[in-house]
Amino acid sequence: MASPNSDYASLLAELKEVRRAGLVRLRGRALPAIEAAAEAVAPPGVQAPGAPVEVLLRSAVGRLDAGTLRTAAEYTLGLAQGTRDWPASSRRARAAAVYGVSVERFRKDQETMVLGQVAEHIVRLAAEAAGADSSTDAVNGSDAGGPGAAESHRTVEVRAAGRPVRLTVHMHPVDLLRDVDVVVSPSNVHFALPEPYKSSVAASLRRAAGAYGVTGEVLADPLPEELRRWAERHGTSGRAVRTGTVAATGAGALAAQGVRRIYHAAIAVPRAGTNDYDVLPADVTRAVSQVLAVLAEEHEHHAPPLRSVCFPLLGSGRGGLPYNVSLNAMWAAIEAELARGARWDVHFVVRTAEAAALVERIPAGIRPAYDRRPTG
């Protein structure tokens, strides 16, 4: 049997070939190390040519730390939604933009690090499958029975005012959302966006809304400009807004993925003299109520009318709110709106199994029921 080091070296070399070829051009290419690992961990029923390899790659990438590392890996390998047929140069440019570096620097530095991390997780997945006969758990990227990379969408049926309501839970980066009319972006009370190379929800949306040249140069960065114009129209330039205020903007390049609007929700108050923020649950509830009010106002002004809205767990990042506190504050506003008869299609986007499990257990009267769908 080959040593772990030689397995790793082979996997890394083959991952570089996957990066060059892209997922749609893997047929007929010699990838013996990746294919052997894929066969070892593939769950029953994964029969299509190439499918076990893609499932393995998604599972390994799903185990990477959330943020720049995982997002760059998704773009590098063509796993990000809509990028599987992109040329290697375009995927590399978008991955370089995640780190805020030039394409050449990314190629020499971060790209090897990213692919090396993916190779390490493939080695671990294969070892788990061989040692514990748990290929299904391993390929799902589950350490504790939670949802993994192969189950990134599910529906939860709850009750609001006695009627059934279906929520959709996404467990993947926010910039991979597709065909959701409105995505909510947490913001500070100055509507000052983070730099696009950061790992927050707001930074990811800013990055995904932008346009980039083939070498990674920024051609358009529309969200800061739209927020500036919003502040001018509402007379808030140069000062903080009230917590709970919502500024609606376009979605920039995310429009190609079916995202039509971004609602920036002011929930975070900068703490003087630090880089930290304060977020209060009451402000989260007020912001969610305002999001739904703005959605009702804009609903008929778009063709087709706006119907769906997706929330991250507001305040659970740098705001420091525990997942359950954030969710309870949000659900108070969402349930009240649904109880009044609103017919919005409500989505949540999260990055961890713990957060997904909390959404699935929303205490709204009935046991959650799941509708599992493939990620491909």
Protein backbone atom coordinates (compact mmCIF):
# COMPACT_ATOMS: atom_id res chain seq x y z
CA MET A 1 0.00 0.00 0.00
CA ALA A 2 1.23 3.48 -0.84
CA SER A 3 2.33 5.65 2.03
CA PRO A 4 0.09 8.52 3.19
CA ASN A 5 2.63 11.03 1.86
CA SER A 6 2.67 9.50 -1.62
CA ASP A 7 -1.14 9.33 -1.61
CA TYR A 8 -1.24 13.01 -0.73
CA ALA A 9 1.27 13.89 -3.45
CA SER A 10 -0.71 11.95 -6.05
CA LEU A 11 -3.97 13.55 -5.00
CA LEU A 12 -2.48 17.04 -5.11
CA ALA A 13 -1.10 16.48 -8.61
CA GLU A 14 -4.47 15.18 -9.81
CA LEU A 15 -6.37 18.05 -8.18
CA LYS A 16 -4.24 20.41 -10.24
CA GLU A 17 -5.37 18.51 -13.33
CA VAL A 18 -9.01 18.83 -12.23
CA ARG A 19 -8.46 22.56 -11.82
CA ARG A 20 -7.09 22.85 -15.33
CA ALA A 21 -9.76 20.70 -16.98
CA GLY A 22 -12.89 21.66 -15.02
CA LEU A 23 -15.66 19.30 -14.00
CA VAL A 24 -17.26 19.09 -17.45
CA ARG A 25 -14.02 17.89 -19.10
CA LEU A 26 -12.93 15.11 -16.74
CA ARG A 27 -14.19 12.20 -18.83
CA GLY A 28 -11.28 10.12 -20.11
CA ARG A 29 -8.64 11.80 -17.96
CA ALA A 30 -6.41 9.61 -15.81
CA LEU A 31 -7.11 10.40 -12.15
CA PRO A 32 -6.31 7.08 -10.44
CA ALA A 33 -5.76 8.43 -6.92
CA ILE A 34 -8.92 10.57 -6.88
CA GLU A 35 -11.01 7.83 -8.50
CA ALA A 36 -9.81 5.24 -5.98
CA ALA A 37 -10.73 7.54 -3.09
CA ALA A 38 -14.07 8.35 -4.71
CA GLU A 39 -14.95 4.68 -5.10
CA ALA A 40 -14.01 4.01 -1.49
CA VAL A 41 -16.31 6.65 -0.06
CA ALA A 42 -19.11 6.80 -2.66
CA PRO A 43 -22.55 6.12 -1.18
CA PRO A 44 -24.84 3.51 -2.74
CA GLY A 45 -26.57 4.73 -5.88
CA VAL A 46 -23.81 7.01 -7.16
CA GLN A 47 -23.42 5.28 -10.52
CA ALA A 48 -23.13 7.97 -13.20
CA PRO A 49 -19.71 8.40 -14.81
CA GLY A 50 -17.77 11.05 -12.92
CA ALA A 51 -20.41 11.40 -10.20
CA PRO A 52 -18.37 9.78 -7.39
CA VAL A 53 -15.45 12.11 -8.16
CA GLU A 54 -17.64 15.21 -7.93
CA VAL A 55 -19.32 13.98 -4.74
CA LEU A 56 -15.88 13.34 -3.22
CA LEU A 57 -14.63 16.80 -4.18
CA ARG A 58 -17.73 18.50 -2.77
CA SER A 59 -17.41 16.52 0.45
CA ALA A 60 -13.73 17.37 0.90
CA VAL A 61 -14.30 21.06 0.15
CA GLY A 62 -17.28 21.06 2.51
CA ARG A 63 -14.92 20.18 5.35
CA LEU A 64 -12.73 23.23 4.81
CA ASP A 65 -13.05 26.16 7.17
CA ALA A 66 -15.92 28.41 6.16
CA GLY A 67 -14.78 31.67 4.59
CA THR A 68 -12.04 32.48 2.12
CA LEU A 69 -10.49 29.00 2.12
CA ARG A 70 -13.68 27.12 1.26
CA THR A 71 -14.96 29.75 -1.15
CA ALA A 72 -11.66 29.88 -3.05
CA ALA A 73 -11.63 26.08 -3.29
CA GLU A 74 -15.17 26.08 -4.71
CA TYR A 75 -14.20 28.54 -7.43
CA THR A 76 -10.84 26.88 -8.13
CA LEU A 77 -12.40 23.47 -8.79
CA GLY A 78 -15.58 24.71 -10.47
CA LEU A 79 -17.81 23.61 -7.59
CA ALA A 80 -19.37 27.05 -7.06
CA GLN A 81 -22.82 27.29 -8.61
CA GLY A 82 -22.61 28.21 -12.29
CA THR A 83 -18.83 27.78 -12.62
CA ARG A 84 -18.44 24.13 -13.60
CA ASP A 85 -18.01 25.03 -17.29
CA TRP A 86 -15.89 28.15 -16.73
CA PRO A 87 -12.39 28.11 -18.23
CA ALA A 88 -9.57 27.58 -15.75
CA SER A 89 -8.38 31.18 -16.12
CA SER A 90 -11.77 32.59 -15.12
CA ARG A 91 -12.07 30.29 -12.10
CA ARG A 92 -8.56 31.20 -10.99
CA ALA A 93 -9.32 34.92 -11.36
CA ARG A 94 -12.45 34.66 -9.23
CA ALA A 95 -10.59 32.64 -6.58
CA ALA A 96 -7.82 35.24 -6.52
CA ALA A 97 -10.45 37.94 -5.95
CA VAL A 98 -11.63 36.03 -2.87
CA TYR A 99 -8.20 36.64 -1.30
CA GLY A 100 -7.84 40.12 -2.78
CA VAL A 101 -4.58 39.28 -4.54
CA SER A 102 -3.38 39.23 -8.13
CA VAL A 103 -3.91 36.11 -10.23
CA GLU A 104 -0.17 35.52 -10.41
CA ARG A 105 0.29 35.75 -6.66
CA PHE A 106 -2.66 33.44 -6.11
CA ARG A 107 -1.23 30.90 -8.57
CA LYS A 108 2.13 30.86 -6.77
CA ASP A 109 0.84 30.91 -3.20
CA GLN A 110 -2.79 30.46 -2.16
CA GLU A 111 -3.80 28.05 -4.94
CA THR A 112 -1.33 25.37 -3.86
CA MET A 113 -2.37 25.84 -0.24
CA VAL A 114 -6.07 25.54 -1.14
CA LEU A 115 -5.60 22.39 -3.21
CA GLY A 116 -3.34 20.92 -0.54
CA GLN A 117 -6.07 21.35 2.05
CA VAL A 118 -8.56 19.60 -0.25
CA ALA A 119 -6.09 16.73 -0.75
CA GLU A 120 -5.69 16.33 3.02
CA HIS A 121 -9.43 16.00 3.51
CA ILE A 122 -9.67 13.45 0.70
CA VAL A 123 -7.03 11.37 2.48
CA ARG A 124 -9.07 11.60 5.70
CA LEU A 125 -12.33 10.70 3.97
CA ALA A 126 -10.76 7.62 2.41
CA ALA A 127 -9.20 6.61 5.73
CA GLU A 128 -12.54 6.96 7.52
CA ALA A 129 -14.29 4.87 4.89
CA ALA A 130 -11.66 2.13 5.09
CA GLY A 131 -11.46 2.11 8.87
CA ALA A 132 -15.08 2.41 9.90
CA ASP A 133 -17.10 1.30 6.87
CA SER A 134 -18.90 4.63 7.02
CA SER A 135 -18.70 5.82 3.47
CA THR A 136 -22.07 7.53 3.52
CA ASP A 137 -21.21 9.64 6.56
CA ALA A 138 -17.77 10.39 5.21
CA VAL A 139 -18.93 11.56 1.80
CA ASN A 140 -21.54 13.75 3.43
CA GLY A 141 -18.79 15.49 5.36
CA SER A 142 -20.60 14.80 8.64
CA ASP A 143 -18.76 14.69 11.91
CA ALA A 144 -21.80 14.44 14.10
CA GLY A 145 -24.67 13.21 12.01
CA GLY A 146 -25.48 16.66 10.71
CA PRO A 147 -26.16 17.67 7.13
CA GLY A 148 -23.15 17.74 4.83
CA ALA A 149 -22.00 19.03 1.53
CA ALA A 150 -24.08 16.49 -0.42
CA GLU A 151 -27.28 17.72 1.25
CA SER A 152 -27.17 21.47 0.89
CA HIS A 153 -30.91 22.07 0.46
CA ARG A 154 -33.87 20.84 2.42
CA THR A 155 -37.34 22.01 3.29
CA VAL A 156 -38.91 22.27 6.72
CA GLU A 157 -42.66 22.38 7.22
CA VAL A 158 -43.81 24.46 10.17
CA ARG A 159 -47.09 26.04 11.29
CA ALA A 160 -47.92 29.70 11.56
CA ALA A 161 -51.37 30.66 12.87
CA GLY A 162 -52.51 27.10 12.34
CA ARG A 163 -51.58 26.83 8.66
CA PRO A 164 -48.62 24.91 7.24
CA VAL A 165 -45.70 26.95 5.93
CA ARG A 166 -42.68 25.55 4.13
CA LEU A 167 -39.23 27.00 4.76
CA THR A 168 -36.14 26.20 2.70
CA VAL A 169 -32.78 25.70 4.44
CA HIS A 170 -29.55 26.11 2.44
CA MET A 171 -26.26 24.94 3.91
CA HIS A 172 -23.64 26.49 1.64
CA PRO A 173 -21.99 29.89 1.03
CA VAL A 174 -24.45 32.72 0.52
CA ASP A 175 -22.99 33.59 -2.89
CA LEU A 176 -24.07 30.18 -4.24
CA LEU A 177 -27.76 31.00 -3.83
CA ARG A 178 -29.80 30.77 -7.01
CA ASP A 179 -33.32 31.85 -7.93
CA VAL A 180 -34.09 33.63 -4.67
CA ASP A 181 -35.55 37.09 -5.31
CA VAL A 182 -34.16 38.86 -2.23
CA VAL A 183 -31.09 38.07 -0.12
CA VAL A 184 -30.66 39.82 3.23
CA SER A 185 -27.19 41.15 4.05
CA PRO A 186 -26.32 42.11 7.65
CA SER A 187 -24.79 45.57 7.93
CA ASN A 188 -23.58 48.09 10.45
CA VAL A 189 -25.57 51.28 11.08
CA HIS A 190 -23.31 53.23 8.70
CA PHE A 191 -23.99 50.82 5.80
CA ALA A 192 -20.21 50.58 5.40
CA LEU A 193 -19.48 47.36 3.54
CA PRO A 194 -16.49 45.16 4.45
CA GLU A 195 -13.72 44.70 1.94
CA PRO A 196 -14.63 42.01 -0.61
CA TYR A 197 -11.79 39.69 0.45
CA LYS A 198 -13.28 39.29 3.93
CA SER A 199 -15.23 36.16 4.88
CA SER A 200 -18.52 37.64 6.14
CA VAL A 201 -21.92 37.36 4.47
CA ALA A 202 -21.81 41.04 3.49
CA ALA A 203 -18.32 40.67 1.99
CA SER A 204 -19.32 37.54 0.07
CA LEU A 205 -22.34 39.30 -1.42
CA ARG A 206 -20.28 42.36 -2.34
CA ARG A 207 -17.71 40.12 -4.03
CA ALA A 208 -20.32 38.07 -5.89
CA ALA A 209 -22.17 41.19 -7.07
CA GLY A 210 -19.03 42.60 -8.66
CA ALA A 211 -17.65 42.13 -12.15
CA TYR A 212 -14.06 41.07 -12.81
CA GLY A 213 -11.66 40.95 -15.72
CA VAL A 214 -9.77 37.87 -16.82
CA THR A 215 -6.82 38.75 -14.58
CA GLY A 216 -9.01 39.42 -11.54
CA GLU A 217 -9.15 43.22 -11.82
CA VAL A 218 -12.38 44.75 -10.49
CA LEU A 219 -14.50 46.10 -13.33
CA ALA A 220 -17.55 46.95 -11.24
CA ASP A 221 -18.29 47.08 -7.50
CA PRO A 222 -21.94 48.16 -7.51
CA LEU A 223 -23.12 47.63 -3.93
CA PRO A 224 -21.12 50.44 -2.21
CA GLU A 225 -22.19 52.87 -4.91
CA GLU A 226 -25.86 51.92 -4.61
CA LEU A 227 -25.72 52.27 -0.83
CA ARG A 228 -24.13 55.71 -1.21
CA ARG A 229 -26.98 56.79 -3.50
CA TRP A 230 -29.53 55.33 -1.06
CA ALA A 231 -28.01 57.40 1.76
CA GLU A 232 -28.17 60.57 -0.38
CA ARG A 233 -31.83 59.98 -1.22
CA HIS A 234 -32.75 59.41 2.42
CA GLY A 235 -30.61 62.19 3.89
CA THR A 236 -28.38 59.90 5.93
CA SER A 237 -25.01 60.58 4.26
CA GLY A 238 -22.26 60.79 6.86
CA ARG A 239 -24.31 59.62 9.83
CA ALA A 240 -25.56 56.41 11.35
CA VAL A 241 -29.09 55.17 10.71
CA ARG A 242 -31.41 53.74 13.33
CA THR A 243 -30.89 50.04 14.05
CA GLY A 244 -33.36 47.96 12.08
CA THR A 245 -33.21 50.22 9.02
CA VAL A 246 -33.16 48.35 5.70
CA ALA A 247 -31.61 49.69 2.47
CA ALA A 248 -32.65 47.93 -0.73
CA THR A 249 -30.22 47.71 -3.66
CA GLY A 250 -29.82 45.78 -6.85
CA ALA A 251 -27.88 42.52 -6.93
CA GLY A 252 -25.21 43.29 -9.52
CA ALA A 253 -23.72 40.18 -11.11
CA LEU A 254 -25.84 37.98 -8.82
CA ALA A 255 -28.72 38.74 -11.17
CA ALA A 256 -27.28 36.04 -13.43
CA GLN A 257 -28.06 33.56 -10.64
CA GLY A 258 -31.65 34.72 -10.26
CA VAL A 259 -31.01 37.01 -7.27
CA ARG A 260 -32.81 40.30 -7.95
CA ARG A 261 -32.45 42.41 -4.81
CA ILE A 262 -30.19 42.68 -1.77
CA TYR A 263 -31.66 44.11 1.41
CA HIS A 264 -28.98 45.53 3.70
CA ALA A 265 -30.20 45.30 7.31
CA ALA A 266 -28.56 47.67 9.82
CA ILE A 267 -28.19 45.61 13.00
CA ALA A 268 -24.59 46.17 14.16
CA VAL A 269 -23.45 49.18 16.19
CA PRO A 270 -19.65 49.71 16.12
CA ARG A 271 -18.07 49.70 19.57
CA ALA A 272 -15.97 52.85 20.02
CA GLY A 273 -12.22 52.31 19.96
CA THR A 274 -12.43 48.67 18.81
CA ASN A 275 -13.07 46.58 15.71
CA ASP A 276 -16.06 44.93 17.40
CA TYR A 277 -19.80 45.40 17.13
CA ASP A 278 -22.78 45.20 19.44
CA VAL A 279 -25.93 43.48 18.19
CA LEU A 280 -29.13 43.29 20.23
CA PRO A 281 -31.79 40.61 19.58
CA ALA A 282 -34.49 43.30 19.59
CA ASP A 283 -32.71 45.08 16.74
CA VAL A 284 -32.57 41.83 14.77
CA THR A 285 -36.32 41.37 15.20
CA ARG A 286 -36.96 44.95 14.09
CA ALA A 287 -34.69 44.54 11.06
CA VAL A 288 -36.45 41.35 9.94
CA SER A 289 -39.84 43.06 10.30
CA GLN A 290 -38.54 45.91 8.15
CA VAL A 291 -37.15 43.50 5.55
CA LEU A 292 -40.61 42.00 5.15
CA ALA A 293 -42.18 45.47 5.04
CA VAL A 294 -39.81 46.57 2.25
CA LEU A 295 -40.52 43.31 0.41
CA ALA A 296 -44.24 44.07 0.58
CA GLU A 297 -43.61 47.58 -0.78
CA GLU A 298 -41.42 46.39 -3.66
CA HIS A 299 -43.36 43.22 -4.39
CA GLU A 300 -45.52 44.53 -7.26
CA HIS A 301 -42.90 46.87 -8.71
CA HIS A 302 -40.96 44.00 -10.28
CA ALA A 303 -41.90 41.60 -13.06
CA PRO A 304 -42.49 38.93 -12.05
CA PRO A 305 -43.38 40.13 -8.54
CA LEU A 306 -40.88 39.46 -5.78
CA ARG A 307 -41.86 36.35 -3.80
CA SER A 308 -38.85 34.78 -2.06
CA VAL A 309 -36.47 36.09 0.59
CA CYS A 310 -33.40 34.46 2.13
CA PHE A 311 -31.98 35.26 5.58
CA PRO A 312 -28.63 34.39 7.13
CA LEU A 313 -28.67 34.09 10.92
CA LEU A 314 -28.36 37.81 11.55
CA GLY A 315 -25.86 38.87 14.19
CA SER A 316 -24.35 35.41 14.62
CA GLY A 317 -21.02 36.35 13.02
CA ARG A 318 -18.99 39.24 14.38
CA GLY A 319 -22.10 40.40 16.19
CA GLY A 320 -21.55 37.51 18.60
CA LEU A 321 -25.13 36.30 19.01
CA PRO A 322 -25.46 32.54 19.58
CA TYR A 323 -27.28 30.80 16.74
CA ASN A 324 -30.37 30.09 18.85
CA VAL A 325 -30.62 33.70 20.05
CA SER A 326 -30.37 35.02 16.48
CA LEU A 327 -32.92 32.52 15.17
CA ASN A 328 -35.41 33.20 17.95
CA ALA A 329 -35.18 36.94 17.35
CA MET A 330 -35.69 36.46 13.61
CA TRP A 331 -38.47 33.92 13.88
CA ALA A 332 -40.51 36.23 16.12
CA ALA A 333 -40.84 38.66 13.19
CA ILE A 334 -41.17 36.03 10.45
CA GLU A 335 -43.85 34.04 12.25
CA ALA A 336 -45.84 37.20 13.02
CA GLU A 337 -45.81 38.13 9.33
CA LEU A 338 -46.78 34.64 8.19
CA ALA A 339 -49.51 34.51 10.82
CA ARG A 340 -51.07 37.61 9.25
CA GLY A 341 -51.44 35.68 6.01
CA ALA A 342 -48.28 36.68 4.13
CA ARG A 343 -47.35 34.19 1.42
CA TRP A 344 -43.63 34.87 1.17
CA ASP A 345 -41.31 32.02 0.24
CA VAL A 346 -38.87 32.11 3.19
CA HIS A 347 -35.33 30.71 2.99
CA PHE A 348 -32.44 30.49 5.46
CA VAL A 349 -28.78 30.16 4.45
CA VAL A 350 -26.31 28.77 7.01
CA ARG A 351 -22.80 27.35 6.97
CA THR A 352 -22.79 24.77 9.79
CA ALA A 353 -24.70 21.63 10.67
CA GLU A 354 -25.44 23.09 14.09
CA ALA A 355 -27.15 26.15 12.61
CA ALA A 356 -29.09 24.05 10.07
CA ALA A 357 -30.34 21.75 12.82
CA LEU A 358 -31.62 24.72 14.82
CA VAL A 359 -33.60 26.04 11.84
CA GLU A 360 -35.04 22.58 11.28
CA ARG A 361 -36.27 22.50 14.86
CA ILE A 362 -38.09 25.82 14.78
CA PRO A 363 -40.75 25.45 17.50
CA ALA A 364 -43.75 26.21 15.31
CA GLY A 365 -46.06 23.35 16.11
CA ILE A 366 -45.19 20.32 14.02
CA ARG A 367 -42.23 18.02 13.50
CA PRO A 368 -40.00 19.07 10.59
CA ALA A 369 -40.27 17.07 7.37
CA TYR A 370 -37.39 17.00 4.91
CA ASP A 371 -37.19 17.16 1.16
CA ARG A 372 -33.62 16.24 0.32
CA ARG A 373 -32.26 17.32 -3.03
CA PRO A 374 -28.94 16.78 -4.77
CA THR A 375 -26.46 19.61 -4.98
CA GLY A 376 -25.27 19.05 -8.52
